[in-house]
Amino acid sequence: DEYQDTNRLQSSILLALKPDGRGLTVVGDDAQ
């Protein structure tokens, strides 16, 4: 949730957990 509020380190963790994106859902709003 609130993916627009994540930093680079959190993004790196997420992409390392699911490098192919299978089963991955992120929700957010770039305008916020």
Full PDB file with SEQRES, HELIX, SHEET, SSBOND, CRYST1, ORIGX, SCALE, CONECT and MASTER records, all heavy atoms in Angstrom:
SEQRES   1 A   32  ASP GLU TYR GLN ASP THR ASN ARG LEU GLN SER SER ILE          
SEQRES   2 A   32  LEU LEU ALA LEU LYS PRO ASP GLY ARG GLY LEU THR VAL          
SEQRES   3 A   32  VAL GLY ASP ASP ALA GLN                                      
HELIX    1 AA1 TYR A    3  ASP A    5  5                                   3    
HELIX    2 AA2 ARG A    8  LEU A   17  1                                  10    
CRYST1    1.000    1.000    1.000  90.00  90.00  90.00 P 1           1          
ORIGX1      1.000000  0.000000  0.000000        0.00000                         
ORIGX2      0.000000  1.000000  0.000000        0.00000                         
ORIGX3      0.000000  0.000000  1.000000        0.00000                         
SCALE1      1.000000  0.000000  0.000000        0.00000                         
SCALE2      0.000000  1.000000  0.000000        0.00000                         
SCALE3      0.000000  0.000000  1.000000        0.00000                         
ATOM      1  N   ASP A   1       0.845  -1.193   0.000  1.00  0.00           N  
ATOM      2  CA  ASP A   1       0.000   0.000   0.000  1.00  0.00           C  
ATOM      3  C   ASP A   1       0.885   1.248   0.000  1.00  0.00           C  
ATOM      4  O   ASP A   1       2.039   1.207   0.433  1.00  0.00           O  
ATOM      5  CB  ASP A   1      -0.887  -0.031   1.248  1.00  0.00           C  
ATOM      6  CG  ASP A   1      -2.004   0.996   1.186  1.00  0.00           C  
ATOM      7  OD1 ASP A   1      -2.270   1.536   0.091  1.00  0.00           O  
ATOM      8  OD2 ASP A   1      -2.615   1.262   2.239  1.00  0.00           O  
ATOM      9  N   GLU A   2       0.342   2.373  -0.473  1.00  0.00           N  
ATOM     10  CA  GLU A   2       1.034   3.676  -0.469  1.00  0.00           C  
ATOM     11  C   GLU A   2       2.413   3.569  -1.128  1.00  0.00           C  
ATOM     12  O   GLU A   2       3.417   4.073  -0.596  1.00  0.00           O  
ATOM     13  CB  GLU A   2       1.181   4.210   0.970  1.00  0.00           C  
ATOM     14  CG  GLU A   2      -0.130   4.349   1.727  1.00  0.00           C  
ATOM     15  CD  GLU A   2      -0.947   5.560   1.309  1.00  0.00           C  
ATOM     16  OE1 GLU A   2      -0.598   6.176   0.286  1.00  0.00           O  
ATOM     17  OE2 GLU A   2      -1.930   5.874   1.989  1.00  0.00           O  
ATOM     18  N   TYR A   3       2.467   2.959  -2.292  1.00  0.00           N  
ATOM     19  CA  TYR A   3       3.771   2.704  -2.918  1.00  0.00           C  
ATOM     20  C   TYR A   3       4.487   3.998  -3.307  1.00  0.00           C  
ATOM     21  O   TYR A   3       5.720   4.022  -3.416  1.00  0.00           O  
ATOM     22  CB  TYR A   3       3.599   1.808  -4.151  1.00  0.00           C  
ATOM     23  CG  TYR A   3       4.905   1.262  -4.669  1.00  0.00           C  
ATOM     24  CD1 TYR A   3       5.693   0.441  -3.877  1.00  0.00           C  
ATOM     25  CD2 TYR A   3       5.368   1.584  -5.947  1.00  0.00           C  
ATOM     26  CE1 TYR A   3       6.910  -0.061  -4.335  1.00  0.00           C  
ATOM     27  CE2 TYR A   3       6.575   1.084  -6.417  1.00  0.00           C  
ATOM     28  CZ  TYR A   3       7.344   0.271  -5.605  1.00  0.00           C  
ATOM     29  OH  TYR A   3       8.549  -0.227  -6.071  1.00  0.00           O  
ATOM     30  N   GLN A   4       3.732   5.091  -3.486  1.00  0.00           N  
ATOM     31  CA  GLN A   4       4.376   6.359  -3.830  1.00  0.00           C  
ATOM     32  C   GLN A   4       5.215   6.902  -2.683  1.00  0.00           C  
ATOM     33  O   GLN A   4       6.030   7.793  -2.882  1.00  0.00           O  
ATOM     34  CB  GLN A   4       3.330   7.402  -4.253  1.00  0.00           C  
ATOM     35  CG  GLN A   4       2.577   8.070  -3.109  1.00  0.00           C  
ATOM     36  CD  GLN A   4       1.458   7.207  -2.544  1.00  0.00           C  
ATOM     37  OE1 GLN A   4       1.121   6.181  -3.121  1.00  0.00           O  
ATOM     38  NE2 GLN A   4       0.881   7.618  -1.433  1.00  0.00           N  
ATOM     39  N   ASP A   5       5.027   6.355  -1.478  1.00  0.00           N  
ATOM     40  CA  ASP A   5       5.768   6.841  -0.308  1.00  0.00           C  
ATOM     41  C   ASP A   5       6.980   5.975   0.035  1.00  0.00           C  
ATOM     42  O   ASP A   5       7.583   6.154   1.096  1.00  0.00           O  
ATOM     43  CB  ASP A   5       4.838   6.919   0.910  1.00  0.00           C  
ATOM     44  CG  ASP A   5       3.733   7.952   0.729  1.00  0.00           C  
ATOM     45  OD1 ASP A   5       3.972   8.946   0.016  1.00  0.00           O  
ATOM     46  OD2 ASP A   5       2.633   7.764   1.277  1.00  0.00           O  
ATOM     47  N   THR A   6       7.333   5.046  -0.830  1.00  0.00           N  
ATOM     48  CA  THR A   6       8.499   4.189  -0.571  1.00  0.00           C  
ATOM     49  C   THR A   6       9.779   4.868  -1.047  1.00  0.00           C  
ATOM     50  O   THR A   6       9.759   5.731  -1.924  1.00  0.00           O  
ATOM     51  CB  THR A   6       8.355   2.828  -1.269  1.00  0.00           C  
ATOM     52  OG1 THR A   6       8.134   3.037  -2.678  1.00  0.00           O  
ATOM     53  CG2 THR A   6       7.195   2.037  -0.682  1.00  0.00           C  
ATOM     54  N   ASN A   7      10.915   4.449  -0.454  1.00  0.00           N  
ATOM     55  CA  ASN A   7      12.208   4.970  -0.883  1.00  0.00           C  
ATOM     56  C   ASN A   7      12.935   3.929  -1.741  1.00  0.00           C  
ATOM     57  O   ASN A   7      12.423   2.831  -1.975  1.00  0.00           O  
ATOM     58  CB  ASN A   7      13.055   5.396   0.321  1.00  0.00           C  
ATOM     59  CG  ASN A   7      13.259   4.264   1.320  1.00  0.00           C  
ATOM     60  OD1 ASN A   7      13.567   3.127   0.942  1.00  0.00           O  
ATOM     61  ND2 ASN A   7      13.107   4.555   2.607  1.00  0.00           N  
ATOM     62  N   ARG A   8      14.112   4.278  -2.205  1.00  0.00           N  
ATOM     63  CA  ARG A   8      14.867   3.385  -3.103  1.00  0.00           C  
ATOM     64  C   ARG A   8      15.167   2.048  -2.434  1.00  0.00           C  
ATOM     65  O   ARG A   8      15.110   0.987  -3.064  1.00  0.00           O  
ATOM     66  CB  ARG A   8      16.174   4.057  -3.534  1.00  0.00           C  
ATOM     67  CG  ARG A   8      16.000   5.194  -4.518  1.00  0.00           C  
ATOM     68  CD  ARG A   8      15.530   4.702  -5.857  1.00  0.00           C  
ATOM     69  NE  ARG A   8      15.543   5.740  -6.870  1.00  0.00           N  
ATOM     70  CZ  ARG A   8      14.937   5.655  -8.045  1.00  0.00           C  
ATOM     71  NH1 ARG A   8      14.230   4.570  -8.336  1.00  0.00           N  
ATOM     72  NH2 ARG A   8      15.001   6.629  -8.912  1.00  0.00           N  
ATOM     73  N   LEU A   9      15.503   2.091  -1.151  1.00  0.00           N  
ATOM     74  CA  LEU A   9      15.859   0.870  -0.441  1.00  0.00           C  
ATOM     75  C   LEU A   9      14.658  -0.074  -0.367  1.00  0.00           C  
ATOM     76  O   LEU A   9      14.788  -1.286  -0.576  1.00  0.00           O  
ATOM     77  CB  LEU A   9      16.355   1.235   0.958  1.00  0.00           C  
ATOM     78  CG  LEU A   9      17.020   0.134   1.786  1.00  0.00           C  
ATOM     79  CD1 LEU A   9      18.180  -0.505   1.041  1.00  0.00           C  
ATOM     80  CD2 LEU A   9      17.485   0.699   3.117  1.00  0.00           C  
ATOM     81  N   GLN A  10      13.482   0.471  -0.075  1.00  0.00           N  
ATOM     82  CA  GLN A  10      12.278  -0.355  -0.026  1.00  0.00           C  
ATOM     83  C   GLN A  10      11.942  -0.938  -1.393  1.00  0.00           C  
ATOM     84  O   GLN A  10      11.528  -2.096  -1.506  1.00  0.00           O  
ATOM     85  CB  GLN A  10      11.108   0.475   0.514  1.00  0.00           C  
ATOM     86  CG  GLN A  10      11.251   0.812   1.997  1.00  0.00           C  
ATOM     87  CD  GLN A  10      10.316   1.905   2.446  1.00  0.00           C  
ATOM     88  OE1 GLN A  10      10.114   2.888   1.734  1.00  0.00           O  
ATOM     89  NE2 GLN A  10       9.748   1.759   3.631  1.00  0.00           N  
ATOM     90  N   SER A  11      12.132  -0.140  -2.428  1.00  0.00           N  
ATOM     91  CA  SER A  11      11.898  -0.637  -3.782  1.00  0.00           C  
ATOM     92  C   SER A  11      12.865  -1.768  -4.123  1.00  0.00           C  
ATOM     93  O   SER A  11      12.476  -2.776  -4.728  1.00  0.00           O  
ATOM     94  CB  SER A  11      12.058   0.512  -4.786  1.00  0.00           C  
ATOM     95  OG  SER A  11      11.946   0.041  -6.107  1.00  0.00           O  
ATOM     96  N   SER A  12      14.123  -1.619  -3.722  1.00  0.00           N  
ATOM     97  CA  SER A  12      15.117  -2.674  -3.980  1.00  0.00           C  
ATOM     98  C   SER A  12      14.726  -3.974  -3.284  1.00  0.00           C  
ATOM     99  O   SER A  12      14.875  -5.068  -3.850  1.00  0.00           O  
ATOM    100  CB  SER A  12      16.501  -2.226  -3.501  1.00  0.00           C  
ATOM    101  OG  SER A  12      16.947  -1.100  -4.224  1.00  0.00           O  
ATOM    102  N   ILE A  13      14.225  -3.866  -2.044  1.00  0.00           N  
ATOM    103  CA  ILE A  13      13.787  -5.051  -1.305  1.00  0.00           C  
ATOM    104  C   ILE A  13      12.649  -5.743  -2.049  1.00  0.00           C  
ATOM    105  O   ILE A  13      12.640  -6.961  -2.243  1.00  0.00           O  
ATOM    106  CB  ILE A  13      13.343  -4.652   0.116  1.00  0.00           C  
ATOM    107  CG1 ILE A  13      14.556  -4.249   0.954  1.00  0.00           C  
ATOM    108  CG2 ILE A  13      12.582  -5.786   0.798  1.00  0.00           C  
ATOM    109  CD1 ILE A  13      14.203  -3.600   2.277  1.00  0.00           C  
ATOM    110  N   LEU A  14      11.678  -4.951  -2.483  1.00  0.00           N  
ATOM    111  CA  LEU A  14      10.498  -5.502  -3.151  1.00  0.00           C  
ATOM    112  C   LEU A  14      10.886  -6.209  -4.456  1.00  0.00           C  
ATOM    113  O   LEU A  14      10.423  -7.323  -4.739  1.00  0.00           O  
ATOM    114  CB  LEU A  14       9.504  -4.378  -3.430  1.00  0.00           C  
ATOM    115  CG  LEU A  14       8.089  -4.801  -3.781  1.00  0.00           C  
ATOM    116  CD1 LEU A  14       7.439  -5.521  -2.618  1.00  0.00           C  
ATOM    117  CD2 LEU A  14       7.261  -3.589  -4.191  1.00  0.00           C  
ATOM    118  N   LEU A  15      11.735  -5.577  -5.245  1.00  0.00           N  
ATOM    119  CA  LEU A  15      12.124  -6.164  -6.534  1.00  0.00           C  
ATOM    120  C   LEU A  15      13.006  -7.390  -6.342  1.00  0.00           C  
ATOM    121  O   LEU A  15      13.014  -8.295  -7.184  1.00  0.00           O  
ATOM    122  CB  LEU A  15      12.840  -5.105  -7.385  1.00  0.00           C  
ATOM    123  CG  LEU A  15      11.983  -3.892  -7.770  1.00  0.00           C  
ATOM    124  CD1 LEU A  15      12.769  -2.923  -8.635  1.00  0.00           C  
ATOM    125  CD2 LEU A  15      10.711  -4.322  -8.479  1.00  0.00           C  
ATOM    126  N   ALA A  16      13.746  -7.444  -5.234  1.00  0.00           N  
ATOM    127  CA  ALA A  16      14.545  -8.642  -4.963  1.00  0.00           C  
ATOM    128  C   ALA A  16      13.652  -9.790  -4.479  1.00  0.00           C  
ATOM    129  O   ALA A  16      13.937 -10.960  -4.751  1.00  0.00           O  
ATOM    130  CB  ALA A  16      15.614  -8.333  -3.913  1.00  0.00           C  
ATOM    131  N   LEU A  17      12.574  -9.458  -3.762  1.00  0.00           N  
ATOM    132  CA  LEU A  17      11.637 -10.490  -3.312  1.00  0.00           C  
ATOM    133  C   LEU A  17      10.917 -11.132  -4.482  1.00  0.00           C  
ATOM    134  O   LEU A  17      10.727 -12.356  -4.523  1.00  0.00           O  
ATOM    135  CB  LEU A  17      10.589  -9.873  -2.370  1.00  0.00           C  
ATOM    136  CG  LEU A  17      10.910  -9.728  -0.895  1.00  0.00           C  
ATOM    137  CD1 LEU A  17       9.752  -9.042  -0.177  1.00  0.00           C  
ATOM    138  CD2 LEU A  17      11.199 -11.077  -0.247  1.00  0.00           C  
ATOM    139  N   LYS A  18      10.482 -10.314  -5.441  1.00  0.00           N  
ATOM    140  CA  LYS A  18       9.721 -10.802  -6.591  1.00  0.00           C  
ATOM    141  C   LYS A  18      10.305 -10.208  -7.880  1.00  0.00           C  
ATOM    142  O   LYS A  18       9.716  -9.334  -8.515  1.00  0.00           O  
ATOM    143  CB  LYS A  18       8.241 -10.407  -6.450  1.00  0.00           C  
ATOM    144  CG  LYS A  18       7.521 -11.078  -5.281  1.00  0.00           C  
ATOM    145  CD  LYS A  18       7.414 -12.590  -5.499  1.00  0.00           C  
ATOM    146  CE  LYS A  18       6.779 -13.296  -4.316  1.00  0.00           C  
ATOM    147  NZ  LYS A  18       6.808 -14.777  -4.478  1.00  0.00           N  
ATOM    148  N   PRO A  19      11.485 -10.699  -8.277  1.00  0.00           N  
ATOM    149  CA  PRO A  19      12.143 -10.092  -9.443  1.00  0.00           C  
ATOM    150  C   PRO A  19      11.358 -10.232 -10.737  1.00  0.00           C  
ATOM    151  O   PRO A  19      11.489  -9.391 -11.635  1.00  0.00           O  
ATOM    152  CB  PRO A  19      13.485 -10.830  -9.516  1.00  0.00           C  
ATOM    153  CG  PRO A  19      13.301 -12.075  -8.719  1.00  0.00           C  
ATOM    154  CD  PRO A  19      12.311 -11.749  -7.665  1.00  0.00           C  
ATOM    155  N   ASP A  20      10.527 -11.276 -10.850  1.00  0.00           N  
ATOM    156  CA  ASP A  20       9.727 -11.435 -12.066  1.00  0.00           C  
ATOM    157  C   ASP A  20       8.342 -10.817 -11.931  1.00  0.00           C  
ATOM    158  O   ASP A  20       7.560 -10.794 -12.890  1.00  0.00           O  
ATOM    159  CB  ASP A  20       9.593 -12.912 -12.442  1.00  0.00           C  
ATOM    160  CG  ASP A  20       8.947 -13.753 -11.337  1.00  0.00           C  
ATOM    161  OD1 ASP A  20       8.590 -13.177 -10.282  1.00  0.00           O  
ATOM    162  OD2 ASP A  20       8.806 -14.974 -11.532  1.00  0.00           O  
ATOM    163  N   GLY A  21       8.010 -10.325 -10.739  1.00  0.00           N  
ATOM    164  CA  GLY A  21       6.728  -9.661 -10.532  1.00  0.00           C  
ATOM    165  C   GLY A  21       5.553 -10.583 -10.302  1.00  0.00           C  
ATOM    166  O   GLY A  21       4.427 -10.114 -10.096  1.00  0.00           O  
ATOM    167  N   ARG A  22       5.766 -11.886 -10.293  1.00  0.00           N  
ATOM    168  CA  ARG A  22       4.648 -12.817 -10.110  1.00  0.00           C  
ATOM    169  C   ARG A  22       4.027 -12.634  -8.724  1.00  0.00           C  
ATOM    170  O   ARG A  22       4.725 -12.679  -7.713  1.00  0.00           O  
ATOM    171  CB  ARG A  22       5.115 -14.261 -10.263  1.00  0.00           C  
ATOM    172  CG  ARG A  22       5.409 -14.679 -11.705  1.00  0.00           C  
ATOM    173  CD  ARG A  22       5.792 -16.161 -11.772  1.00  0.00           C  
ATOM    174  NE  ARG A  22       4.674 -17.017 -11.370  1.00  0.00           N  
ATOM    175  CZ  ARG A  22       3.730 -17.462 -12.201  1.00  0.00           C  
ATOM    176  NH1 ARG A  22       3.759 -17.116 -13.474  1.00  0.00           N  
ATOM    177  NH2 ARG A  22       2.773 -18.249 -11.755  1.00  0.00           N  
ATOM    178  N   GLY A  23       2.717 -12.416  -8.695  1.00  0.00           N  
ATOM    179  CA  GLY A  23       2.017 -12.276  -7.429  1.00  0.00           C  
ATOM    180  C   GLY A  23       2.198 -10.933  -6.753  1.00  0.00           C  
ATOM    181  O   GLY A  23       1.801 -10.760  -5.597  1.00  0.00           O  
ATOM    182  N   LEU A  24       2.767  -9.951  -7.459  1.00  0.00           N  
ATOM    183  CA  LEU A  24       3.071  -8.650  -6.855  1.00  0.00           C  
ATOM    184  C   LEU A  24       2.002  -7.619  -7.217  1.00  0.00           C  
ATOM    185  O   LEU A  24       1.671  -7.435  -8.391  1.00  0.00           O  
ATOM    186  CB  LEU A  24       4.441  -8.175  -7.332  1.00  0.00           C  
ATOM    187  CG  LEU A  24       4.949  -6.825  -6.803  1.00  0.00           C  
ATOM    188  CD1 LEU A  24       5.023  -6.828  -5.289  1.00  0.00           C  
ATOM    189  CD2 LEU A  24       6.320  -6.513  -7.401  1.00  0.00           C  
ATOM    190  N   THR A  25       1.447  -6.953  -6.208  1.00  0.00           N  
ATOM    191  CA  THR A  25       0.469  -5.870  -6.394  1.00  0.00           C  
ATOM    192  C   THR A  25       0.920  -4.667  -5.588  1.00  0.00           C  
ATOM    193  O   THR A  25       1.169  -4.786  -4.386  1.00  0.00           O  
ATOM    194  CB  THR A  25      -0.934  -6.289  -5.910  1.00  0.00           C  
ATOM    195  OG1 THR A  25      -1.394  -7.415  -6.660  1.00  0.00           O  
ATOM    196  CG2 THR A  25      -1.935  -5.143  -6.076  1.00  0.00           C  
ATOM    197  N   VAL A  26       1.039  -3.519  -6.238  1.00  0.00           N  
ATOM    198  CA  VAL A  26       1.332  -2.285  -5.507  1.00  0.00           C  
ATOM    199  C   VAL A  26       0.223  -1.281  -5.787  1.00  0.00           C  
ATOM    200  O   VAL A  26      -0.317  -1.206  -6.890  1.00  0.00           O  
ATOM    201  CB  VAL A  26       2.717  -1.689  -5.856  1.00  0.00           C  
ATOM    202  CG1 VAL A  26       3.810  -2.692  -5.592  1.00  0.00           C  
ATOM    203  CG2 VAL A  26       2.771  -1.195  -7.283  1.00  0.00           C  
ATOM    204  N   VAL A  27      -0.131  -0.515  -4.750  1.00  0.00           N  
ATOM    205  CA  VAL A  27      -1.222   0.449  -4.824  1.00  0.00           C  
ATOM    206  C   VAL A  27      -0.697   1.804  -4.386  1.00  0.00           C  
ATOM    207  O   VAL A  27       0.050   1.904  -3.405  1.00  0.00           O  
ATOM    208  CB  VAL A  27      -2.387   0.027  -3.900  1.00  0.00           C  
ATOM    209  CG1 VAL A  27      -3.539   1.020  -4.006  1.00  0.00           C  
ATOM    210  CG2 VAL A  27      -2.861  -1.376  -4.237  1.00  0.00           C  
ATOM    211  N   GLY A  28      -1.071   2.852  -5.093  1.00  0.00           N  
ATOM    212  CA  GLY A  28      -0.631   4.185  -4.695  1.00  0.00           C  
ATOM    213  C   GLY A  28      -1.122   5.248  -5.653  1.00  0.00           C  
ATOM    214  O   GLY A  28      -1.869   4.968  -6.599  1.00  0.00           O  
ATOM    215  N   ASP A  29      -0.680   6.467  -5.417  1.00  0.00           N  
ATOM    216  CA  ASP A  29      -1.077   7.611  -6.235  1.00  0.00           C  
ATOM    217  C   ASP A  29       0.113   8.533  -6.383  1.00  0.00           C  
ATOM    218  O   ASP A  29       0.551   9.156  -5.408  1.00  0.00           O  
ATOM    219  CB  ASP A  29      -2.247   8.342  -5.567  1.00  0.00           C  
ATOM    220  CG  ASP A  29      -2.751   9.526  -6.400  1.00  0.00           C  
ATOM    221  OD1 ASP A  29      -2.308   9.678  -7.553  1.00  0.00           O  
ATOM    222  OD2 ASP A  29      -3.595  10.295  -5.889  1.00  0.00           O  
ATOM    223  N   ASP A  30       0.644   8.618  -7.593  1.00  0.00           N  
ATOM    224  CA  ASP A  30       1.805   9.478  -7.822  1.00  0.00           C  
ATOM    225  C   ASP A  30       1.502  10.936  -7.491  1.00  0.00           C  
ATOM    226  O   ASP A  30       2.397  11.695  -7.102  1.00  0.00           O  
ATOM    227  CB  ASP A  30       2.274   9.366  -9.276  1.00  0.00           C  
ATOM    228  CG  ASP A  30       1.146   9.640 -10.268  1.00  0.00           C  
ATOM    229  OD1 ASP A  30       0.165   8.877 -10.279  1.00  0.00           O  
ATOM    230  OD2 ASP A  30       1.244  10.626 -11.033  1.00  0.00           O  
ATOM    231  N   ALA A  31       0.227  11.338  -7.599  1.00  0.00           N  
ATOM    232  CA  ALA A  31      -0.146  12.724  -7.319  1.00  0.00           C  
ATOM    233  C   ALA A  31      -0.103  13.043  -5.830  1.00  0.00           C  
ATOM    234  O   ALA A  31      -0.241  14.203  -5.443  1.00  0.00           O  
ATOM    235  CB  ALA A  31      -1.541  13.011  -7.864  1.00  0.00           C  
ATOM    236  N   GLN A  32       0.066  12.027  -4.984  1.00  0.00           N  
ATOM    237  CA  GLN A  32       0.131  12.257  -3.540  1.00  0.00           C  
ATOM    238  C   GLN A  32       1.503  11.893  -2.971  1.00  0.00           C  
ATOM    239  O   GLN A  32       1.621  11.602  -1.776  1.00  0.00           O  
ATOM    240  CB  GLN A  32      -0.962  11.464  -2.828  1.00  0.00           C  
ATOM    241  CG  GLN A  32      -2.375  11.895  -3.219  1.00  0.00           C  
ATOM    242  CD  GLN A  32      -3.436  11.198  -2.405  1.00  0.00           C  
ATOM    243  OE1 GLN A  32      -3.597  11.439  -1.214  1.00  0.00           O  
ATOM    244  NE2 GLN A  32      -4.176  10.310  -3.053  1.00  0.00           N  
TER     245      GLN A  32                                                      
MASTER        0    0    0    2    0    0    0    6  244    1    0    3          
END                                                                             
